[in-house]
Structure formats: structure tokens, C-alpha cells
Amino acid sequence: MLYEEREKRILQQLQLQSTVRVSQLSQLLQVSVDTVRRDLKAMEQKGLIRCLRGGASLPESRMSLSNFKGRELIHEEEKRGAARKALAYIKEGDIIAMNSGTTNTVLAQEMLEVKEPVTVVTNNLAAANILMQNGAIRLILIGGMLDAPEQSTYGAVCEQEFARYFPDVCFLSINAVNYQDGFTDFRMHEIPVIQRLASISRQVVAVMDSSKLGKRSKVKVLEPDQVDLLVMESQAPPEVRERYEKAGFRIAE
């Protein structure tokens, strides 16, 4: 892996976490600890990061819209795998809606590779902060009340602004799903946003890591037939897929 690619991956990790450790980056990048230290020093000299003892963080000027301070990021690699599969459902000229959540923030990182001109409408401030780096993407940031820990907007203004658009596809980051309860979430502010996007979008795609399969969160958000496709990083076992499909779910291959 060349330095430029390692630099990109390090910045992606820092957009998801407040700090990263040298040992963590060494494992992620599959290079030596000494190589990581040299990379971090070079990035600090360019003003991209701030070196700490044993790791690094983003400079204060770049941190406000980058990290999810309210909860720990888990299953990052699984989220990335699901996000990469979701890219297959983006077409040139699409209007794409994205809600808040760490999975959609990881998806935004993967969308930096999108070359076709598309429009993204989102209330996800962390995702917007990433997507502005891709000149092929026309970015529309939805206003409203600020949820600082979730790095998102919500409320009546947010829902009304989303309702002005008719997205070709919406990518939904949702907390849990099981074949009995459907899609559920714990973010009370975000639930009306998810429901609004599902009602106005031509294609509704839930992007979730497989750890959320079979789980139930606090509040019911969507029924299975309100989501066109569930995209995860790995294929569900045949018996699980059959159980979910009988309940009205469609799971991507």
C-alpha cells in the first residue's frame, strides 16, 4: 500500500473516531509501527492531523463535524463491507438521500470513489463533511435542530426540507432488524426522518452490518415491506434468508 492510500485510510479512521492508536493503524494498514509513525509525522507536517503520544487525532479545526462523540463506533469493517455493496445501487444522475448514523458516514467515505455526477441530500453532517471532498457529488445539506452527538439535524424543518425532494434511492442507517418486529431504532429524533425518507424515495435501501440482524431496538421504525432491499456485508445463511423472505424482507446477495 502506497503512502497516499495509507494517508487516506488514516483520515477515514479519524473521521469516525476521536483518536487512533499507532498499534491500531499498524493492524488496519498491515504495515509496521515505524511506518505508521513516519506517516503520522508527515501528515502532521501537512496540517492534516495532530500527533499524540502513541497515536493521533484530527486538528481541532477539523474535529467538530467529524467524530461521533455520543457512542462508540463498533463493527467498522463490517459497516464498510456493507457500504461497498451499497455502491452498486448508485447510478449516474441519481438523487440520493442519506440519513444520519455511523454506517452512512462510512458509506460517505466509500462514495469518495464515485465518479458519476450524482446529488446527495442528507441531514448527516459527518457524511457531508466527507462528501464535499468529491467534486462529482452535488451536496445538499438539510437544516433543522442540531443533534450534536449524532452529528445530524432533525425536527419539523428537517422533515419539511427532505419532503421537497423525490430521491431515486435512499440509504438508511438503522439500528436493528428482525423478522418479527421489522426495523427498529433507539434514536427518537431520527425515527421521523427515516420514515419520511422511506415514504418519498423510489428505492429504499437499508444498509446495515450483519451484527444488527436478529436484534430489536427501542422503537419500531419501518415494516419489512417499506424497505426494498436490505444490504449487509455478508450473505445470510440459507435458513435465515428463507425465514426473513417469508416475513417480507428482500436481502441483497
C-alpha atoms as a PDB file:
ATOM      1  CA  MET A   1       0.000   0.000   0.000  1.00  0.00           C
ATOM      2  CA  LEU A   2       1.442   3.365  -1.062  1.00  0.00           C
ATOM      3  CA  TYR A   3       1.717   6.335   1.291  1.00  0.00           C
ATOM      4  CA  GLU A   4      -1.149   8.195  -0.415  1.00  0.00           C
ATOM      5  CA  GLU A   5      -3.503   5.271   0.186  1.00  0.00           C
ATOM      6  CA  ARG A   6      -2.356   4.919   3.802  1.00  0.00           C
ATOM      7  CA  GLU A   7      -2.911   8.649   4.358  1.00  0.00           C
ATOM      8  CA  LYS A   8      -6.444   8.331   3.000  1.00  0.00           C
ATOM      9  CA  ARG A   9      -7.236   5.353   5.247  1.00  0.00           C
ATOM     10  CA  ILE A  10      -5.840   7.112   8.323  1.00  0.00           C
ATOM     11  CA  LEU A  11      -8.020  10.169   7.663  1.00  0.00           C
ATOM     12  CA  GLN A  12     -11.048   7.938   7.136  1.00  0.00           C
ATOM     13  CA  GLN A  13     -10.441   6.315  10.515  1.00  0.00           C
ATOM     14  CA  LEU A  14     -10.086   9.700  12.204  1.00  0.00           C
ATOM     15  CA  GLN A  15     -13.352  10.862  10.683  1.00  0.00           C
ATOM     16  CA  LEU A  16     -15.015   8.064  12.637  1.00  0.00           C
ATOM     17  CA  GLN A  17     -13.052   8.147  15.894  1.00  0.00           C
ATOM     18  CA  SER A  18     -11.723  10.949  18.082  1.00  0.00           C
ATOM     19  CA  THR A  19      -8.264   9.370  18.206  1.00  0.00           C
ATOM     20  CA  VAL A  20      -6.462   6.405  16.716  1.00  0.00           C
ATOM     21  CA  ARG A  21      -3.548   4.460  18.148  1.00  0.00           C
ATOM     22  CA  VAL A  22      -0.390   3.562  16.261  1.00  0.00           C
ATOM     23  CA  SER A  23      -0.931  -0.139  17.010  1.00  0.00           C
ATOM     24  CA  GLN A  24      -4.496   0.031  15.649  1.00  0.00           C
ATOM     25  CA  LEU A  25      -3.317   1.678  12.418  1.00  0.00           C
ATOM     26  CA  SER A  26      -0.495  -0.818  12.044  1.00  0.00           C
ATOM     27  CA  GLN A  27      -3.016  -3.646  12.095  1.00  0.00           C
ATOM     28  CA  LEU A  28      -5.512  -1.836   9.858  1.00  0.00           C
ATOM     29  CA  LEU A  29      -2.923  -0.882   7.219  1.00  0.00           C
ATOM     30  CA  GLN A  30      -0.862  -4.072   7.586  1.00  0.00           C
ATOM     31  CA  VAL A  31       2.395  -2.149   7.897  1.00  0.00           C
ATOM     32  CA  SER A  32       4.966  -1.790  10.673  1.00  0.00           C
ATOM     33  CA  VAL A  33       4.595   0.511  13.648  1.00  0.00           C
ATOM     34  CA  ASP A  34       7.612   2.501  12.420  1.00  0.00           C
ATOM     35  CA  THR A  35       5.922   3.066   9.053  1.00  0.00           C
ATOM     36  CA  VAL A  36       2.789   4.327  10.774  1.00  0.00           C
ATOM     37  CA  ARG A  37       4.828   6.730  12.921  1.00  0.00           C
ATOM     38  CA  ARG A  38       6.563   8.126   9.836  1.00  0.00           C
ATOM     39  CA  ASP A  39       3.226   8.539   8.073  1.00  0.00           C
ATOM     40  CA  LEU A  40       1.724  10.359  11.047  1.00  0.00           C
ATOM     41  CA  LYS A  41       4.672  12.738  11.266  1.00  0.00           C
ATOM     42  CA  ALA A  42       4.377  13.524   7.542  1.00  0.00           C
ATOM     43  CA  MET A  43       0.631  14.114   7.885  1.00  0.00           C
ATOM     44  CA  GLU A  44       1.166  16.400  10.893  1.00  0.00           C
ATOM     45  CA  GLN A  45       3.639  18.490   8.901  1.00  0.00           C
ATOM     46  CA  LYS A  46       0.932  18.904   6.231  1.00  0.00           C
ATOM     47  CA  GLY A  47      -1.560  20.024   8.868  1.00  0.00           C
ATOM     48  CA  LEU A  48      -3.846  17.036   8.357  1.00  0.00           C
ATOM     49  CA  ILE A  49      -3.597  15.561  11.859  1.00  0.00           C
ATOM     50  CA  ARG A  50      -2.187  16.186  15.319  1.00  0.00           C
ATOM     51  CA  CYS A  51       0.253  13.606  16.684  1.00  0.00           C
ATOM     52  CA  LEU A  52      -0.338  12.343  20.220  1.00  0.00           C
ATOM     53  CA  ARG A  53       1.662  10.003  22.404  1.00  0.00           C
ATOM     54  CA  GLY A  54       1.045   6.595  20.846  1.00  0.00           C
ATOM     55  CA  GLY A  55      -1.409   7.834  18.222  1.00  0.00           C
ATOM     56  CA  ALA A  56      -3.052  10.792  16.506  1.00  0.00           C
ATOM     57  CA  SER A  57      -6.185  12.923  16.341  1.00  0.00           C
ATOM     58  CA  LEU A  58      -7.674  15.425  13.936  1.00  0.00           C
ATOM     59  CA  PRO A  59      -6.797  19.089  14.493  1.00  0.00           C
ATOM     60  CA  GLU A  60      -9.444  20.979  16.470  1.00  0.00           C
ATOM     61  CA  SER A  61     -10.410  22.896  13.326  1.00  0.00           C
ATOM     62  CA  ARG A  62     -11.484  19.671  11.602  1.00  0.00           C
ATOM     63  CA  MET A  63     -12.904  17.751  14.542  1.00  0.00           C
ATOM     64  CA  SER A  64     -16.269  19.427  15.134  1.00  0.00           C
ATOM     65  CA  LEU A  65     -18.128  17.731  12.295  1.00  0.00           C
ATOM     66  CA  SER A  66     -16.118  14.548  12.082  1.00  0.00           C
ATOM     67  CA  ASN A  67     -16.473  12.259  15.074  1.00  0.00           C
ATOM     68  CA  PHE A  68     -19.400  10.529  16.729  1.00  0.00           C
ATOM     69  CA  LYS A  69     -18.733  11.519  20.325  1.00  0.00           C
ATOM     70  CA  GLY A  70     -22.020  10.148  21.658  1.00  0.00           C
ATOM     71  CA  ARG A  71     -21.327   6.448  21.171  1.00  0.00           C
ATOM     72  CA  GLU A  72     -18.538   4.108  20.279  1.00  0.00           C
ATOM     73  CA  LEU A  73     -18.051   3.004  16.691  1.00  0.00           C
ATOM     74  CA  ILE A  74     -18.217  -0.785  16.536  1.00  0.00           C
ATOM     75  CA  HIS A  75     -18.098  -3.312  13.675  1.00  0.00           C
ATOM     76  CA  GLU A  76     -16.361  -0.738  11.478  1.00  0.00           C
ATOM     77  CA  GLU A  77     -15.045  -3.248   8.936  1.00  0.00           C
ATOM     78  CA  GLU A  78     -18.482  -4.900   8.646  1.00  0.00           C
ATOM     79  CA  LYS A  79     -20.080  -1.495   8.075  1.00  0.00           C
ATOM     80  CA  ARG A  80     -17.502  -0.786   5.379  1.00  0.00           C
ATOM     81  CA  GLY A  81     -18.261  -4.078   3.662  1.00  0.00           C
ATOM     82  CA  ALA A  82     -21.983  -3.276   3.606  1.00  0.00           C
ATOM     83  CA  ALA A  83     -21.257   0.237   2.339  1.00  0.00           C
ATOM     84  CA  ARG A  84     -19.157  -1.065  -0.538  1.00  0.00           C
ATOM     85  CA  LYS A  85     -22.002  -3.349  -1.625  1.00  0.00           C
ATOM     86  CA  ALA A  86     -24.435  -0.422  -1.458  1.00  0.00           C
ATOM     87  CA  LEU A  87     -22.403   1.481  -4.075  1.00  0.00           C
ATOM     88  CA  ALA A  88     -23.825  -0.884  -6.710  1.00  0.00           C
ATOM     89  CA  TYR A  89     -27.217   0.819  -6.320  1.00  0.00           C
ATOM     90  CA  ILE A  90     -25.933   4.297  -7.299  1.00  0.00           C
ATOM     91  CA  LYS A  91     -26.442   5.379 -10.899  1.00  0.00           C
ATOM     92  CA  GLU A  92     -25.339   8.452 -12.808  1.00  0.00           C
ATOM     93  CA  GLY A  93     -27.687  11.391 -12.284  1.00  0.00           C
ATOM     94  CA  ASP A  94     -29.363   9.912  -9.198  1.00  0.00           C
ATOM     95  CA  ILE A  95     -30.702  11.963  -6.334  1.00  0.00           C
ATOM     96  CA  ILE A  96     -29.548  10.055  -3.250  1.00  0.00           C
ATOM     97  CA  ALA A  97     -30.925  10.630   0.246  1.00  0.00           C
ATOM     98  CA  MET A  98     -28.962   9.586   3.331  1.00  0.00           C
ATOM     99  CA  ASN A  99     -29.946   9.824   6.987  1.00  0.00           C
ATOM    100  CA  SER A 100     -27.644  10.075   9.985  1.00  0.00           C
ATOM    101  CA  GLY A 101     -25.659   7.246  11.534  1.00  0.00           C
ATOM    102  CA  THR A 102     -22.195   5.751  11.505  1.00  0.00           C
ATOM    103  CA  THR A 103     -22.980   3.279   8.702  1.00  0.00           C
ATOM    104  CA  ASN A 104     -23.947   6.096   6.347  1.00  0.00           C
ATOM    105  CA  THR A 105     -20.840   8.014   7.389  1.00  0.00           C
ATOM    106  CA  VAL A 106     -18.762   5.005   6.361  1.00  0.00           C
ATOM    107  CA  LEU A 107     -20.809   4.871   3.135  1.00  0.00           C
ATOM    108  CA  ALA A 108     -19.902   8.518   2.509  1.00  0.00           C
ATOM    109  CA  GLN A 109     -16.234   7.558   2.747  1.00  0.00           C
ATOM    110  CA  GLU A 110     -16.744   4.832   0.153  1.00  0.00           C
ATOM    111  CA  MET A 111     -18.622   7.285  -2.066  1.00  0.00           C
ATOM    112  CA  LEU A 112     -15.436   9.307  -2.479  1.00  0.00           C
ATOM    113  CA  GLU A 113     -14.700   6.777  -5.242  1.00  0.00           C
ATOM    114  CA  VAL A 114     -17.931   7.620  -7.130  1.00  0.00           C
ATOM    115  CA  LYS A 115     -17.050   9.211 -10.479  1.00  0.00           C
ATOM    116  CA  GLU A 116     -20.531   9.695 -11.951  1.00  0.00           C
ATOM    117  CA  PRO A 117     -22.299  13.001 -11.190  1.00  0.00           C
ATOM    118  CA  VAL A 118     -24.953  12.490  -8.502  1.00  0.00           C
ATOM    119  CA  THR A 119     -26.800  14.622  -5.965  1.00  0.00           C
ATOM    120  CA  VAL A 120     -26.788  13.723  -2.273  1.00  0.00           C
ATOM    121  CA  VAL A 121     -29.408  15.139   0.098  1.00  0.00           C
ATOM    122  CA  THR A 122     -28.594  14.480   3.747  1.00  0.00           C
ATOM    123  CA  ASN A 123     -29.033  15.552   7.361  1.00  0.00           C
ATOM    124  CA  ASN A 124     -25.818  13.706   8.252  1.00  0.00           C
ATOM    125  CA  LEU A 125     -23.226  16.404   8.991  1.00  0.00           C
ATOM    126  CA  ALA A 126     -20.349  13.951   9.349  1.00  0.00           C
ATOM    127  CA  ALA A 127     -21.184  12.394   5.963  1.00  0.00           C
ATOM    128  CA  ALA A 128     -21.498  15.845   4.360  1.00  0.00           C
ATOM    129  CA  ASN A 129     -18.081  16.790   5.709  1.00  0.00           C
ATOM    130  CA  ILE A 130     -16.652  13.802   3.831  1.00  0.00           C
ATOM    131  CA  LEU A 131     -18.717  14.049   0.633  1.00  0.00           C
ATOM    132  CA  MET A 132     -17.652  17.650  -0.019  1.00  0.00           C
ATOM    133  CA  GLN A 133     -14.259  16.211  -0.987  1.00  0.00           C
ATOM    134  CA  ASN A 134     -15.783  14.606  -4.123  1.00  0.00           C
ATOM    135  CA  GLY A 135     -16.325  17.143  -6.895  1.00  0.00           C
ATOM    136  CA  ALA A 136     -18.668  14.779  -8.776  1.00  0.00           C
ATOM    137  CA  ILE A 137     -21.211  14.969  -5.945  1.00  0.00           C
ATOM    138  CA  ARG A 138     -23.646  17.861  -5.676  1.00  0.00           C
ATOM    139  CA  LEU A 139     -24.274  18.090  -1.946  1.00  0.00           C
ATOM    140  CA  ILE A 140     -27.468  19.428  -0.349  1.00  0.00           C
ATOM    141  CA  LEU A 141     -27.317  19.700   3.432  1.00  0.00           C
ATOM    142  CA  ILE A 142     -30.673  19.611   5.200  1.00  0.00           C
ATOM    143  CA  GLY A 143     -31.235  22.056   8.066  1.00  0.00           C
ATOM    144  CA  GLY A 144     -33.112  21.720  11.330  1.00  0.00           C
ATOM    145  CA  MET A 145     -32.390  21.248  15.010  1.00  0.00           C
ATOM    146  CA  LEU A 146     -28.865  20.035  15.775  1.00  0.00           C
ATOM    147  CA  ASP A 147     -28.196  16.663  17.423  1.00  0.00           C
ATOM    148  CA  ALA A 148     -24.528  17.179  18.299  1.00  0.00           C
ATOM    149  CA  PRO A 149     -23.652  13.629  19.472  1.00  0.00           C
ATOM    150  CA  GLU A 150     -25.192  12.122  16.325  1.00  0.00           C
ATOM    151  CA  GLN A 151     -23.736  14.881  14.086  1.00  0.00           C
ATOM    152  CA  SER A 152     -27.115  15.379  12.399  1.00  0.00           C
ATOM    153  CA  THR A 153     -30.163  17.602  12.102  1.00  0.00           C
ATOM    154  CA  TYR A 154     -33.748  16.677  12.945  1.00  0.00           C
ATOM    155  CA  GLY A 155     -37.201  18.095  13.611  1.00  0.00           C
ATOM    156  CA  ALA A 156     -40.033  19.644  11.594  1.00  0.00           C
ATOM    157  CA  VAL A 157     -37.794  21.842   9.444  1.00  0.00           C
ATOM    158  CA  CYS A 158     -35.570  18.871   8.604  1.00  0.00           C
ATOM    159  CA  GLU A 159     -38.535  16.701   7.609  1.00  0.00           C
ATOM    160  CA  GLN A 160     -40.132  19.501   5.544  1.00  0.00           C
ATOM    161  CA  GLU A 161     -36.898  20.143   3.653  1.00  0.00           C
ATOM    162  CA  PHE A 162     -36.468  16.441   2.855  1.00  0.00           C
ATOM    163  CA  ALA A 163     -40.077  16.333   1.591  1.00  0.00           C
ATOM    164  CA  ARG A 164     -39.189  18.770  -1.214  1.00  0.00           C
ATOM    165  CA  TYR A 165     -37.203  16.020  -2.948  1.00  0.00           C
ATOM    166  CA  PHE A 166     -38.100  12.736  -4.610  1.00  0.00           C
ATOM    167  CA  PRO A 167     -34.900  10.669  -4.297  1.00  0.00           C
ATOM    168  CA  ASP A 168     -34.117   7.873  -6.720  1.00  0.00           C
ATOM    169  CA  VAL A 169     -32.670   5.916  -3.808  1.00  0.00           C
ATOM    170  CA  CYS A 170     -32.331   6.470  -0.082  1.00  0.00           C
ATOM    171  CA  PHE A 171     -29.731   4.707   2.024  1.00  0.00           C
ATOM    172  CA  LEU A 172     -30.978   4.213   5.558  1.00  0.00           C
ATOM    173  CA  SER A 173     -28.738   3.624   8.548  1.00  0.00           C
ATOM    174  CA  ILE A 174     -30.984   1.800  11.062  1.00  0.00           C
ATOM    175  CA  ASN A 175     -30.076   0.297  14.419  1.00  0.00           C
ATOM    176  CA  ALA A 176     -31.671  -3.175  14.356  1.00  0.00           C
ATOM    177  CA  VAL A 177     -33.839  -5.580  12.381  1.00  0.00           C
ATOM    178  CA  ASN A 178     -35.546  -8.904  12.982  1.00  0.00           C
ATOM    179  CA  TYR A 179     -38.168 -10.839  11.039  1.00  0.00           C
ATOM    180  CA  GLN A 180     -40.831 -10.449  13.743  1.00  0.00           C
ATOM    181  CA  ASP A 181     -40.543  -6.731  14.598  1.00  0.00           C
ATOM    182  CA  GLY A 182     -39.192  -5.264  11.359  1.00  0.00           C
ATOM    183  CA  PHE A 183     -36.769  -2.338  11.547  1.00  0.00           C
ATOM    184  CA  THR A 184     -36.262  -0.673  14.928  1.00  0.00           C
ATOM    185  CA  ASP A 185     -34.094   2.153  16.295  1.00  0.00           C
ATOM    186  CA  PHE A 186     -33.267   3.973  19.539  1.00  0.00           C
ATOM    187  CA  ARG A 187     -32.761   7.494  18.112  1.00  0.00           C
ATOM    188  CA  MET A 188     -36.078   9.186  18.812  1.00  0.00           C
ATOM    189  CA  HIS A 189     -35.196  12.315  16.821  1.00  0.00           C
ATOM    190  CA  GLU A 190     -34.137  10.297  13.782  1.00  0.00           C
ATOM    191  CA  ILE A 191     -37.172   7.996  13.510  1.00  0.00           C
ATOM    192  CA  PRO A 192     -39.457  10.559  11.750  1.00  0.00           C
ATOM    193  CA  VAL A 193     -36.600  11.349   9.353  1.00  0.00           C
ATOM    194  CA  ILE A 194     -36.198   7.680   8.437  1.00  0.00           C
ATOM    195  CA  GLN A 195     -39.938   7.305   7.917  1.00  0.00           C
ATOM    196  CA  ARG A 196     -40.104  10.416   5.742  1.00  0.00           C
ATOM    197  CA  LEU A 197     -37.255   9.239   3.518  1.00  0.00           C
ATOM    198  CA  ALA A 198     -38.852   5.815   3.114  1.00  0.00           C
ATOM    199  CA  SER A 199     -42.118   7.447   2.022  1.00  0.00           C
ATOM    200  CA  ILE A 200     -40.634   9.760  -0.646  1.00  0.00           C
ATOM    201  CA  SER A 201     -37.891   7.606  -2.208  1.00  0.00           C
ATOM    202  CA  ARG A 202     -38.297   5.449  -5.301  1.00  0.00           C
ATOM    203  CA  GLN A 203     -35.982   2.770  -3.878  1.00  0.00           C
ATOM    204  CA  VAL A 204     -35.403   2.265  -0.148  1.00  0.00           C
ATOM    205  CA  VAL A 205     -32.171   0.504   0.828  1.00  0.00           C
ATOM    206  CA  ALA A 206     -31.299  -0.311   4.450  1.00  0.00           C
ATOM    207  CA  VAL A 207     -27.516  -0.541   4.829  1.00  0.00           C
ATOM    208  CA  MET A 208     -26.647  -2.487   7.986  1.00  0.00           C
ATOM    209  CA  ASP A 209     -23.820  -4.648   9.266  1.00  0.00           C
ATOM    210  CA  SER A 210     -24.854  -8.230   9.950  1.00  0.00           C
ATOM    211  CA  SER A 211     -24.498  -7.838  13.732  1.00  0.00           C
ATOM    212  CA  LYS A 212     -27.811  -5.935  13.655  1.00  0.00           C
ATOM    213  CA  LEU A 213     -29.683  -8.881  12.150  1.00  0.00           C
ATOM    214  CA  GLY A 214     -31.943 -10.569  14.692  1.00  0.00           C
ATOM    215  CA  LYS A 215     -31.769  -7.614  17.093  1.00  0.00           C
ATOM    216  CA  ARG A 216     -34.519  -5.340  18.404  1.00  0.00           C
ATOM    217  CA  SER A 217     -34.054  -1.708  19.442  1.00  0.00           C
ATOM    218  CA  LYS A 218     -36.355   0.701  21.300  1.00  0.00           C
ATOM    219  CA  VAL A 219     -38.972   1.798  18.747  1.00  0.00           C
ATOM    220  CA  LYS A 220     -40.475   0.287  15.602  1.00  0.00           C
ATOM    221  CA  VAL A 221     -39.480   2.371  12.572  1.00  0.00           C
ATOM    222  CA  LEU A 222     -40.429   0.518   9.385  1.00  0.00           C
ATOM    223  CA  GLU A 223     -42.250  -2.628   8.334  1.00  0.00           C
ATOM    224  CA  PRO A 224     -40.415  -5.078   6.052  1.00  0.00           C
ATOM    225  CA  ASP A 225     -42.494  -4.064   3.011  1.00  0.00           C
ATOM    226  CA  GLN A 226     -41.454  -0.410   3.448  1.00  0.00           C
ATOM    227  CA  VAL A 227     -37.831  -1.306   2.627  1.00  0.00           C
ATOM    228  CA  ASP A 228     -36.995  -2.576  -0.856  1.00  0.00           C
ATOM    229  CA  LEU A 229     -33.625  -4.095  -0.025  1.00  0.00           C
ATOM    230  CA  LEU A 230     -31.501  -4.949   2.996  1.00  0.00           C
ATOM    231  CA  VAL A 231     -27.765  -4.738   2.223  1.00  0.00           C
ATOM    232  CA  MET A 232     -25.238  -6.353   4.580  1.00  0.00           C
ATOM    233  CA  GLU A 233     -21.543  -7.129   4.233  1.00  0.00           C
ATOM    234  CA  SER A 234     -22.067 -10.909   4.168  1.00  0.00           C
ATOM    235  CA  GLN A 235     -24.708 -13.272   2.915  1.00  0.00           C
ATOM    236  CA  ALA A 236     -27.199 -14.592   5.426  1.00  0.00           C
ATOM    237  CA  PRO A 237     -27.277 -18.397   5.838  1.00  0.00           C
ATOM    238  CA  PRO A 238     -29.958 -20.025   3.638  1.00  0.00           C
ATOM    239  CA  GLU A 239     -32.227 -20.865   6.572  1.00  0.00           C
ATOM    240  CA  VAL A 240     -32.041 -17.292   7.888  1.00  0.00           C
ATOM    241  CA  ARG A 241     -32.651 -15.815   4.448  1.00  0.00           C
ATOM    242  CA  GLU A 242     -35.696 -18.066   3.977  1.00  0.00           C
ATOM    243  CA  ARG A 243     -37.146 -17.010   7.351  1.00  0.00           C
ATOM    244  CA  TYR A 244     -36.740 -13.310   6.554  1.00  0.00           C
ATOM    245  CA  GLU A 245     -38.012 -13.605   2.995  1.00  0.00           C
ATOM    246  CA  LYS A 246     -41.155 -15.355   4.241  1.00  0.00           C
ATOM    247  CA  ALA A 247     -41.678 -12.368   6.547  1.00  0.00           C
ATOM    248  CA  GLY A 248     -41.480  -9.958   3.586  1.00  0.00           C
ATOM    249  CA  PHE A 249     -37.805  -8.966   3.569  1.00  0.00           C
ATOM    250  CA  ARG A 250     -35.577  -8.850   0.486  1.00  0.00           C
ATOM    251  CA  ILE A 251     -31.911  -9.382   1.320  1.00  0.00           C
ATOM    252  CA  ALA A 252     -29.226  -8.496  -1.224  1.00  0.00           C
ATOM    253  CA  GLU A 253     -26.996 -11.307  -2.486  1.00  0.00           C
END
